[in-house]
């Protein structure tokens, strides 16, 4: 595995084989490993599998959150190598945002103002812009994003369409711990009590999905999920909603998504299920 740190090194890589890119902010876990596995499956054994590790400062509204974000490049590198990654791209902020160089900026539109965007203004604009830059640098043919961050996946697909990028965006089902909790780099910040309490989140989502399938009624399904969340006093609930697959209003019939956000121990956790 090669570790590259400059845009010049990345763009100088010989073209030829199909490229897959997994874009991360590091603190890698088994969920990221599944994105790598799926990417390799899509590009084949002779493809070039690229993982990027870049803690993007523009998508953090709180400087303290940026400062506290875990940076574990040595461990990340080991995980990537074990997963058969060909290139690990770990640029500096100056490489990604060179002073005086204008770069394309994207707006997430209404998608950036709902759900997670409601409490993080500008976050998804920054996500769309940095993903465009990384996809342009890596020249990826396919990129895999976890469905755990479902709103991010929808925003990225919209940006790729608007920018006319020739890259396939593939959503990969959420990887969960044995008790159902979605894997996240944020989980390590939970106390033992909070970690134990967090299992009500996936349980509530399962109740929503089961109720929706049985009744076809979004309000009843959300009520079933909220009843489970309400049993856990440590949980501060932001939202539990059902939307269509593009995050619009819940459909009367057909495919939909249930999404939840809650805070435990000052740690914001999000999850969703189809």
C-alpha atoms as a PDB file:
ATOM      1  CA  UNK A   1       0.000   0.000   0.000  1.00  0.00           C
ATOM      2  CA  UNK A   2       1.225   3.469  -0.904  1.00  0.00           C
ATOM      3  CA  UNK A   3       0.598   6.417   1.399  1.00  0.00           C
ATOM      4  CA  UNK A   4       0.313   9.705  -0.489  1.00  0.00           C
ATOM      5  CA  UNK A   5      -0.068  13.153   1.044  1.00  0.00           C
ATOM      6  CA  UNK A   6      -0.116  15.569  -1.904  1.00  0.00           C
ATOM      7  CA  UNK A   7      -2.582  16.243  -4.688  1.00  0.00           C
ATOM      8  CA  UNK A   8       0.301  16.127  -7.181  1.00  0.00           C
ATOM      9  CA  UNK A   9       1.162  12.564  -6.135  1.00  0.00           C
ATOM     10  CA  UNK A  10      -2.453  11.468  -6.463  1.00  0.00           C
ATOM     11  CA  UNK A  11      -3.040  13.005  -9.873  1.00  0.00           C
ATOM     12  CA  UNK A  12       0.262  11.557 -11.138  1.00  0.00           C
ATOM     13  CA  UNK A  13      -0.929   7.992 -10.531  1.00  0.00           C
ATOM     14  CA  UNK A  14      -1.108   6.002 -13.731  1.00  0.00           C
ATOM     15  CA  UNK A  15      -4.638   5.698 -15.080  1.00  0.00           C
ATOM     16  CA  UNK A  16      -5.747   2.419 -16.631  1.00  0.00           C
ATOM     17  CA  UNK A  17      -7.474   0.297 -14.012  1.00  0.00           C
ATOM     18  CA  UNK A  18     -10.934   0.936 -12.600  1.00  0.00           C
ATOM     19  CA  UNK A  19     -10.771   3.079  -9.467  1.00  0.00           C
ATOM     20  CA  UNK A  20     -12.783   2.862  -6.284  1.00  0.00           C
ATOM     21  CA  UNK A  21     -12.629   5.538  -3.578  1.00  0.00           C
ATOM     22  CA  UNK A  22     -13.736   5.378   0.038  1.00  0.00           C
ATOM     23  CA  UNK A  23     -13.746   8.891   1.493  1.00  0.00           C
ATOM     24  CA  UNK A  24     -13.298   9.074   5.281  1.00  0.00           C
ATOM     25  CA  UNK A  25     -12.305  11.358   8.123  1.00  0.00           C
ATOM     26  CA  UNK A  26     -10.294   8.580   9.730  1.00  0.00           C
ATOM     27  CA  UNK A  27     -10.941   6.861  13.082  1.00  0.00           C
ATOM     28  CA  UNK A  28     -11.720   3.852  10.907  1.00  0.00           C
ATOM     29  CA  UNK A  29     -13.765   0.876  12.101  1.00  0.00           C
ATOM     30  CA  UNK A  30     -15.409  -2.238  10.676  1.00  0.00           C
ATOM     31  CA  UNK A  31     -18.058  -0.118   8.974  1.00  0.00           C
ATOM     32  CA  UNK A  32     -15.355   1.534   6.880  1.00  0.00           C
ATOM     33  CA  UNK A  33     -13.873  -1.899   6.287  1.00  0.00           C
ATOM     34  CA  UNK A  34     -17.178  -2.972   4.729  1.00  0.00           C
ATOM     35  CA  UNK A  35     -17.044   0.057   2.394  1.00  0.00           C
ATOM     36  CA  UNK A  36     -13.571  -1.054   1.315  1.00  0.00           C
ATOM     37  CA  UNK A  37     -14.727  -4.639   0.800  1.00  0.00           C
ATOM     38  CA  UNK A  38     -17.686  -3.519  -1.299  1.00  0.00           C
ATOM     39  CA  UNK A  39     -15.517  -1.143  -3.324  1.00  0.00           C
ATOM     40  CA  UNK A  40     -13.062  -3.929  -4.109  1.00  0.00           C
ATOM     41  CA  UNK A  41     -15.955  -6.128  -5.177  1.00  0.00           C
ATOM     42  CA  UNK A  42     -17.130  -3.424  -7.586  1.00  0.00           C
ATOM     43  CA  UNK A  43     -13.738  -2.588  -9.141  1.00  0.00           C
ATOM     44  CA  UNK A  44     -12.353  -6.125  -9.221  1.00  0.00           C
ATOM     45  CA  UNK A  45      -9.024  -7.547  -8.061  1.00  0.00           C
ATOM     46  CA  UNK A  46      -7.067  -5.498 -10.598  1.00  0.00           C
ATOM     47  CA  UNK A  47      -8.754  -2.199  -9.754  1.00  0.00           C
ATOM     48  CA  UNK A  48      -7.123   0.593  -7.759  1.00  0.00           C
ATOM     49  CA  UNK A  49      -8.689   0.902  -4.308  1.00  0.00           C
ATOM     50  CA  UNK A  50      -8.137   4.323  -2.746  1.00  0.00           C
ATOM     51  CA  UNK A  51      -9.041   5.385   0.784  1.00  0.00           C
ATOM     52  CA  UNK A  52      -8.848   9.048   1.746  1.00  0.00           C
ATOM     53  CA  UNK A  53      -8.376  10.221   5.334  1.00  0.00           C
ATOM     54  CA  UNK A  54      -9.064  13.923   5.752  1.00  0.00           C
ATOM     55  CA  UNK A  55     -10.631  15.646   8.752  1.00  0.00           C
ATOM     56  CA  UNK A  56     -12.397  18.401   6.867  1.00  0.00           C
ATOM     57  CA  UNK A  57     -12.478  21.596   8.958  1.00  0.00           C
ATOM     58  CA  UNK A  58     -15.174  23.304   6.876  1.00  0.00           C
ATOM     59  CA  UNK A  59     -17.877  20.858   7.938  1.00  0.00           C
ATOM     60  CA  UNK A  60     -17.432  21.451  11.675  1.00  0.00           C
ATOM     61  CA  UNK A  61     -19.579  24.214  13.127  1.00  0.00           C
ATOM     62  CA  UNK A  62     -17.983  23.893  16.572  1.00  0.00           C
ATOM     63  CA  UNK A  63     -14.178  24.365  16.741  1.00  0.00           C
ATOM     64  CA  UNK A  64     -14.096  22.178  19.862  1.00  0.00           C
ATOM     65  CA  UNK A  65     -15.758  19.331  17.940  1.00  0.00           C
ATOM     66  CA  UNK A  66     -13.044  19.636  15.276  1.00  0.00           C
ATOM     67  CA  UNK A  67     -10.317  19.685  17.913  1.00  0.00           C
ATOM     68  CA  UNK A  68     -11.728  16.616  19.673  1.00  0.00           C
ATOM     69  CA  UNK A  69     -12.256  14.559  16.532  1.00  0.00           C
ATOM     70  CA  UNK A  70     -10.084  11.407  16.844  1.00  0.00           C
ATOM     71  CA  UNK A  71      -7.014  11.304  14.606  1.00  0.00           C
ATOM     72  CA  UNK A  72      -5.614   7.773  14.410  1.00  0.00           C
ATOM     73  CA  UNK A  73      -3.688   7.651  11.147  1.00  0.00           C
ATOM     74  CA  UNK A  74      -1.339   4.845  12.205  1.00  0.00           C
ATOM     75  CA  UNK A  75      -4.216   2.543  13.159  1.00  0.00           C
ATOM     76  CA  UNK A  76      -6.174   3.654  10.095  1.00  0.00           C
ATOM     77  CA  UNK A  77      -3.235   2.773   7.882  1.00  0.00           C
ATOM     78  CA  UNK A  78      -3.002  -0.698   9.397  1.00  0.00           C
ATOM     79  CA  UNK A  79      -6.714  -1.318   8.848  1.00  0.00           C
ATOM     80  CA  UNK A  80      -6.464  -0.152   5.235  1.00  0.00           C
ATOM     81  CA  UNK A  81      -3.461  -2.345   4.507  1.00  0.00           C
ATOM     82  CA  UNK A  82      -5.198  -5.372   6.005  1.00  0.00           C
ATOM     83  CA  UNK A  83      -8.224  -4.633   3.800  1.00  0.00           C
ATOM     84  CA  UNK A  84      -6.129  -4.679   0.628  1.00  0.00           C
ATOM     85  CA  UNK A  85      -6.190  -0.951  -0.046  1.00  0.00           C
ATOM     86  CA  UNK A  86      -3.765   0.132  -2.776  1.00  0.00           C
ATOM     87  CA  UNK A  87      -3.465   3.830  -1.954  1.00  0.00           C
ATOM     88  CA  UNK A  88      -4.085   5.749   1.259  1.00  0.00           C
ATOM     89  CA  UNK A  89      -4.433   9.469   0.538  1.00  0.00           C
ATOM     90  CA  UNK A  90      -3.942  11.597   3.672  1.00  0.00           C
ATOM     91  CA  UNK A  91      -3.603  15.245   2.628  1.00  0.00           C
ATOM     92  CA  UNK A  92      -3.100  18.294   4.830  1.00  0.00           C
ATOM     93  CA  UNK A  93      -5.633  21.116   5.012  1.00  0.00           C
ATOM     94  CA  UNK A  94      -3.293  23.276   2.924  1.00  0.00           C
ATOM     95  CA  UNK A  95      -3.149  20.604   0.208  1.00  0.00           C
ATOM     96  CA  UNK A  96      -6.923  20.393   0.092  1.00  0.00           C
ATOM     97  CA  UNK A  97      -7.507  24.134   0.337  1.00  0.00           C
ATOM     98  CA  UNK A  98      -4.444  25.877  -1.133  1.00  0.00           C
ATOM     99  CA  UNK A  99      -4.453  29.593  -0.285  1.00  0.00           C
ATOM    100  CA  UNK A 100      -5.577  31.812  -3.123  1.00  0.00           C
ATOM    101  CA  UNK A 101      -6.866  28.945  -5.277  1.00  0.00           C
ATOM    102  CA  UNK A 102     -10.613  29.144  -6.049  1.00  0.00           C
ATOM    103  CA  UNK A 103     -12.328  25.761  -5.745  1.00  0.00           C
ATOM    104  CA  UNK A 104     -15.848  24.678  -6.770  1.00  0.00           C
ATOM    105  CA  UNK A 105     -18.417  25.197  -4.029  1.00  0.00           C
ATOM    106  CA  UNK A 106     -21.739  23.363  -3.837  1.00  0.00           C
ATOM    107  CA  UNK A 107     -24.991  23.965  -2.037  1.00  0.00           C
ATOM    108  CA  UNK A 108     -27.025  21.112  -0.623  1.00  0.00           C
ATOM    109  CA  UNK A 109     -30.138  23.238  -1.096  1.00  0.00           C
ATOM    110  CA  UNK A 110     -33.153  22.266   1.004  1.00  0.00           C
ATOM    111  CA  UNK A 111     -31.420  18.989   1.900  1.00  0.00           C
ATOM    112  CA  UNK A 112     -28.935  21.037   3.907  1.00  0.00           C
ATOM    113  CA  UNK A 113     -31.625  22.587   6.117  1.00  0.00           C
ATOM    114  CA  UNK A 114     -33.569  19.527   7.305  1.00  0.00           C
ATOM    115  CA  UNK A 115     -32.826  16.763   9.836  1.00  0.00           C
ATOM    116  CA  UNK A 116     -29.079  16.961  10.580  1.00  0.00           C
ATOM    117  CA  UNK A 117     -28.798  20.159   8.550  1.00  0.00           C
ATOM    118  CA  UNK A 118     -31.274  21.913  10.826  1.00  0.00           C
ATOM    119  CA  UNK A 119     -28.842  21.789  13.751  1.00  0.00           C
ATOM    120  CA  UNK A 120     -25.678  22.078  11.614  1.00  0.00           C
ATOM    121  CA  UNK A 121     -26.131  24.993   9.172  1.00  0.00           C
ATOM    122  CA  UNK A 122     -23.726  24.827   6.241  1.00  0.00           C
ATOM    123  CA  UNK A 123     -22.548  21.316   7.134  1.00  0.00           C
ATOM    124  CA  UNK A 124     -23.866  19.590   4.030  1.00  0.00           C
ATOM    125  CA  UNK A 125     -22.700  22.397   1.743  1.00  0.00           C
ATOM    126  CA  UNK A 126     -19.203  21.692   3.080  1.00  0.00           C
ATOM    127  CA  UNK A 127     -19.677  17.927   2.680  1.00  0.00           C
ATOM    128  CA  UNK A 128     -20.788  18.297  -0.942  1.00  0.00           C
ATOM    129  CA  UNK A 129     -17.858  20.582  -1.726  1.00  0.00           C
ATOM    130  CA  UNK A 130     -15.144  18.455  -0.118  1.00  0.00           C
ATOM    131  CA  UNK A 131     -16.524  15.241  -1.659  1.00  0.00           C
ATOM    132  CA  UNK A 132     -16.429  16.907  -5.083  1.00  0.00           C
ATOM    133  CA  UNK A 133     -12.794  17.868  -4.497  1.00  0.00           C
ATOM    134  CA  UNK A 134     -11.796  14.387  -3.318  1.00  0.00           C
ATOM    135  CA  UNK A 135     -13.597  12.619  -6.158  1.00  0.00           C
ATOM    136  CA  UNK A 136     -11.904  14.959  -8.638  1.00  0.00           C
ATOM    137  CA  UNK A 137      -8.478  14.318  -7.106  1.00  0.00           C
ATOM    138  CA  UNK A 138      -8.883  10.533  -6.899  1.00  0.00           C
ATOM    139  CA  UNK A 139     -10.581  10.326 -10.316  1.00  0.00           C
ATOM    140  CA  UNK A 140     -12.782   7.564  -8.935  1.00  0.00           C
ATOM    141  CA  UNK A 141     -15.088   5.486 -11.118  1.00  0.00           C
ATOM    142  CA  UNK A 142     -17.079   4.317  -8.101  1.00  0.00           C
ATOM    143  CA  UNK A 143     -17.376   5.540  -4.523  1.00  0.00           C
ATOM    144  CA  UNK A 144     -19.061   3.783  -1.611  1.00  0.00           C
ATOM    145  CA  UNK A 145     -20.837   5.596   1.217  1.00  0.00           C
ATOM    146  CA  UNK A 146     -22.435   4.004   4.253  1.00  0.00           C
ATOM    147  CA  UNK A 147     -26.200   4.213   4.580  1.00  0.00           C
ATOM    148  CA  UNK A 148     -25.670   4.934   8.278  1.00  0.00           C
ATOM    149  CA  UNK A 149     -25.118   8.585   7.273  1.00  0.00           C
ATOM    150  CA  UNK A 150     -28.117   8.471   4.968  1.00  0.00           C
ATOM    151  CA  UNK A 151     -28.596  12.212   4.561  1.00  0.00           C
ATOM    152  CA  UNK A 152     -24.949  12.525   3.524  1.00  0.00           C
ATOM    153  CA  UNK A 153     -25.468   9.789   0.919  1.00  0.00           C
ATOM    154  CA  UNK A 154     -28.470  11.629  -0.561  1.00  0.00           C
ATOM    155  CA  UNK A 155     -26.530  14.925  -0.627  1.00  0.00           C
ATOM    156  CA  UNK A 156     -23.535  13.307  -2.340  1.00  0.00           C
ATOM    157  CA  UNK A 157     -25.738  11.723  -5.005  1.00  0.00           C
ATOM    158  CA  UNK A 158     -27.357  15.102  -5.660  1.00  0.00           C
ATOM    159  CA  UNK A 159     -23.954  16.828  -5.942  1.00  0.00           C
ATOM    160  CA  UNK A 160     -22.584  14.184  -8.320  1.00  0.00           C
ATOM    161  CA  UNK A 161     -25.651  14.601 -10.527  1.00  0.00           C
ATOM    162  CA  UNK A 162     -25.469  18.415 -10.510  1.00  0.00           C
ATOM    163  CA  UNK A 163     -21.706  18.443 -11.156  1.00  0.00           C
ATOM    164  CA  UNK A 164     -21.976  15.876 -13.943  1.00  0.00           C
ATOM    165  CA  UNK A 165     -19.265  13.701 -12.413  1.00  0.00           C
ATOM    166  CA  UNK A 166     -18.793  10.345 -14.097  1.00  0.00           C
ATOM    167  CA  UNK A 167     -18.749   8.358 -10.868  1.00  0.00           C
ATOM    168  CA  UNK A 168     -21.130   5.741  -9.494  1.00  0.00           C
ATOM    169  CA  UNK A 169     -22.249   6.431  -5.906  1.00  0.00           C
ATOM    170  CA  UNK A 170     -23.064   3.192  -4.094  1.00  0.00           C
ATOM    171  CA  UNK A 171     -24.851   3.040  -0.744  1.00  0.00           C
ATOM    172  CA  UNK A 172     -23.685   0.260   1.579  1.00  0.00           C
ATOM    173  CA  UNK A 173     -25.985  -1.059   4.341  1.00  0.00           C
ATOM    174  CA  UNK A 174     -25.158  -0.007   7.897  1.00  0.00           C
ATOM    175  CA  UNK A 175     -22.768  -2.245   9.834  1.00  0.00           C
ATOM    176  CA  UNK A 176     -23.965  -2.886  13.388  1.00  0.00           C
ATOM    177  CA  UNK A 177     -22.538  -4.163  16.640  1.00  0.00           C
ATOM    178  CA  UNK A 178     -23.858  -7.414  18.089  1.00  0.00           C
ATOM    179  CA  UNK A 179     -26.529  -5.518  20.052  1.00  0.00           C
ATOM    180  CA  UNK A 180     -27.710  -3.628  16.962  1.00  0.00           C
ATOM    181  CA  UNK A 181     -26.056  -0.265  17.574  1.00  0.00           C
ATOM    182  CA  UNK A 182     -24.734   1.237  14.352  1.00  0.00           C
ATOM    183  CA  UNK A 183     -20.938   1.422  14.250  1.00  0.00           C
ATOM    184  CA  UNK A 184     -19.668   4.991  14.523  1.00  0.00           C
ATOM    185  CA  UNK A 185     -16.419   6.691  15.480  1.00  0.00           C
ATOM    186  CA  UNK A 186     -18.511   8.632  18.013  1.00  0.00           C
ATOM    187  CA  UNK A 187     -19.374   5.490  19.985  1.00  0.00           C
ATOM    188  CA  UNK A 188     -15.977   5.474  21.696  1.00  0.00           C
ATOM    189  CA  UNK A 189     -16.958   8.716  23.454  1.00  0.00           C
ATOM    190  CA  UNK A 190     -19.906   7.070  25.219  1.00  0.00           C
ATOM    191  CA  UNK A 191     -19.660   6.082  28.872  1.00  0.00           C
ATOM    192  CA  UNK A 192     -20.509   2.482  29.745  1.00  0.00           C
ATOM    193  CA  UNK A 193     -23.980   3.527  30.921  1.00  0.00           C
ATOM    194  CA  UNK A 194     -24.635   5.572  27.799  1.00  0.00           C
ATOM    195  CA  UNK A 195     -23.374   2.786  25.550  1.00  0.00           C
ATOM    196  CA  UNK A 196     -25.779   0.373  27.227  1.00  0.00           C
ATOM    197  CA  UNK A 197     -28.645   2.866  26.882  1.00  0.00           C
ATOM    198  CA  UNK A 198     -27.918   3.498  23.203  1.00  0.00           C
ATOM    199  CA  UNK A 199     -29.357   0.141  22.139  1.00  0.00           C
ATOM    200  CA  UNK A 200     -32.876   1.609  22.351  1.00  0.00           C
ATOM    201  CA  UNK A 201     -32.100   3.577  19.164  1.00  0.00           C
ATOM    202  CA  UNK A 202     -31.931   0.589  16.772  1.00  0.00           C
ATOM    203  CA  UNK A 203     -34.762  -1.102  18.702  1.00  0.00           C
ATOM    204  CA  UNK A 204     -36.971   1.937  18.124  1.00  0.00           C
ATOM    205  CA  UNK A 205     -36.145   1.939  14.418  1.00  0.00           C
ATOM    206  CA  UNK A 206     -37.038  -1.735  14.146  1.00  0.00           C
ATOM    207  CA  UNK A 207     -40.374  -0.987  15.816  1.00  0.00           C
ATOM    208  CA  UNK A 208     -40.992   1.801  13.294  1.00  0.00           C
ATOM    209  CA  UNK A 209     -40.204  -0.488  10.367  1.00  0.00           C
ATOM    210  CA  UNK A 210     -42.396  -3.300  11.714  1.00  0.00           C
ATOM    211  CA  UNK A 211     -45.325  -0.976  12.407  1.00  0.00           C
ATOM    212  CA  UNK A 212     -45.033   0.696   8.993  1.00  0.00           C
ATOM    213  CA  UNK A 213     -45.065  -2.692   7.286  1.00  0.00           C
ATOM    214  CA  UNK A 214     -48.069  -3.823   9.286  1.00  0.00           C
ATOM    215  CA  UNK A 215     -50.214  -0.675   9.202  1.00  0.00           C
ATOM    216  CA  UNK A 216     -48.915   1.462   6.324  1.00  0.00           C
ATOM    217  CA  UNK A 217     -49.384   4.463   8.618  1.00  0.00           C
ATOM    218  CA  UNK A 218     -46.369   6.739   9.175  1.00  0.00           C
ATOM    219  CA  UNK A 219     -47.805   8.437  12.276  1.00  0.00           C
ATOM    220  CA  UNK A 220     -48.550   5.129  13.985  1.00  0.00           C
ATOM    221  CA  UNK A 221     -45.108   3.810  13.072  1.00  0.00           C
ATOM    222  CA  UNK A 222     -43.332   6.861  14.532  1.00  0.00           C
ATOM    223  CA  UNK A 223     -45.464   6.607  17.677  1.00  0.00           C
ATOM    224  CA  UNK A 224     -44.329   3.003  18.111  1.00  0.00           C
ATOM    225  CA  UNK A 225     -40.696   4.078  17.868  1.00  0.00           C
ATOM    226  CA  UNK A 226     -41.079   7.067  20.169  1.00  0.00           C
ATOM    227  CA  UNK A 227     -42.695   4.866  22.811  1.00  0.00           C
ATOM    228  CA  UNK A 228     -39.509   2.792  22.950  1.00  0.00           C
ATOM    229  CA  UNK A 229     -37.202   5.823  23.009  1.00  0.00           C
ATOM    230  CA  UNK A 230     -39.232   7.352  25.842  1.00  0.00           C
ATOM    231  CA  UNK A 231     -38.362   4.412  28.100  1.00  0.00           C
ATOM    232  CA  UNK A 232     -34.726   5.518  28.240  1.00  0.00           C
ATOM    233  CA  UNK A 233     -34.355   8.624  30.464  1.00  0.00           C
ATOM    234  CA  UNK A 234     -30.702   9.195  29.503  1.00  0.00           C
ATOM    235  CA  UNK A 235     -31.733   9.857  25.900  1.00  0.00           C
ATOM    236  CA  UNK A 236     -32.435  13.343  24.549  1.00  0.00           C
ATOM    237  CA  UNK A 237     -34.402  12.867  21.332  1.00  0.00           C
ATOM    238  CA  UNK A 238     -34.012  15.361  18.495  1.00  0.00           C
ATOM    239  CA  UNK A 239     -36.161  13.643  15.879  1.00  0.00           C
ATOM    240  CA  UNK A 240     -37.660  10.357  14.755  1.00  0.00           C
ATOM    241  CA  UNK A 241     -39.239  10.679  11.324  1.00  0.00           C
ATOM    242  CA  UNK A 242     -40.270   8.770   8.243  1.00  0.00           C
ATOM    243  CA  UNK A 243     -39.402  10.251   4.844  1.00  0.00           C
ATOM    244  CA  UNK A 244     -39.351   9.083   1.268  1.00  0.00           C
ATOM    245  CA  UNK A 245     -36.020   7.754  -0.015  1.00  0.00           C
ATOM    246  CA  UNK A 246     -34.955  11.259  -1.096  1.00  0.00           C
ATOM    247  CA  UNK A 247     -35.785  12.678   2.384  1.00  0.00           C
ATOM    248  CA  UNK A 248     -39.010  14.307   1.242  1.00  0.00           C
ATOM    249  CA  UNK A 249     -42.385  13.795   2.968  1.00  0.00           C
ATOM    250  CA  UNK A 250     -43.357  10.257   3.918  1.00  0.00           C
ATOM    251  CA  UNK A 251     -45.021   8.510   0.967  1.00  0.00           C
ATOM    252  CA  UNK A 252     -48.471   6.949   1.211  1.00  0.00           C
ATOM    253  CA  UNK A 253     -47.062   3.725  -0.245  1.00  0.00           C
ATOM    254  CA  UNK A 254     -43.752   2.367  -1.462  1.00  0.00           C
ATOM    255  CA  UNK A 255     -40.174   2.684  -0.228  1.00  0.00           C
ATOM    256  CA  UNK A 256     -39.425   4.989   2.702  1.00  0.00           C
ATOM    257  CA  UNK A 257     -36.776   5.683   5.333  1.00  0.00           C
ATOM    258  CA  UNK A 258     -37.003   5.994   9.115  1.00  0.00           C
ATOM    259  CA  UNK A 259     -34.367   8.299  10.617  1.00  0.00           C
ATOM    260  CA  UNK A 260     -33.522   9.160  14.207  1.00  0.00           C
ATOM    261  CA  UNK A 261     -31.147  11.497  16.047  1.00  0.00           C
ATOM    262  CA  UNK A 262     -30.591  11.560  19.799  1.00  0.00           C
ATOM    263  CA  UNK A 263     -27.976  12.680  22.303  1.00  0.00           C
ATOM    264  CA  UNK A 264     -26.391  10.593  25.047  1.00  0.00           C
ATOM    265  CA  UNK A 265     -23.617  11.873  27.313  1.00  0.00           C
ATOM    266  CA  UNK A 266     -23.324  14.914  25.049  1.00  0.00           C
ATOM    267  CA  UNK A 267     -22.670  12.598  22.075  1.00  0.00           C
ATOM    268  CA  UNK A 268     -25.036  12.920  19.117  1.00  0.00           C
ATOM    269  CA  UNK A 269     -25.999   9.592  17.573  1.00  0.00           C
ATOM    270  CA  UNK A 270     -27.862   9.119  14.288  1.00  0.00           C
ATOM    271  CA  UNK A 271     -29.276   6.018  12.693  1.00  0.00           C
ATOM    272  CA  UNK A 272     -31.818   4.963  10.084  1.00  0.00           C
ATOM    273  CA  UNK A 273     -33.428   1.935   8.459  1.00  0.00           C
ATOM    274  CA  UNK A 274     -35.328   1.338   5.226  1.00  0.00           C
END
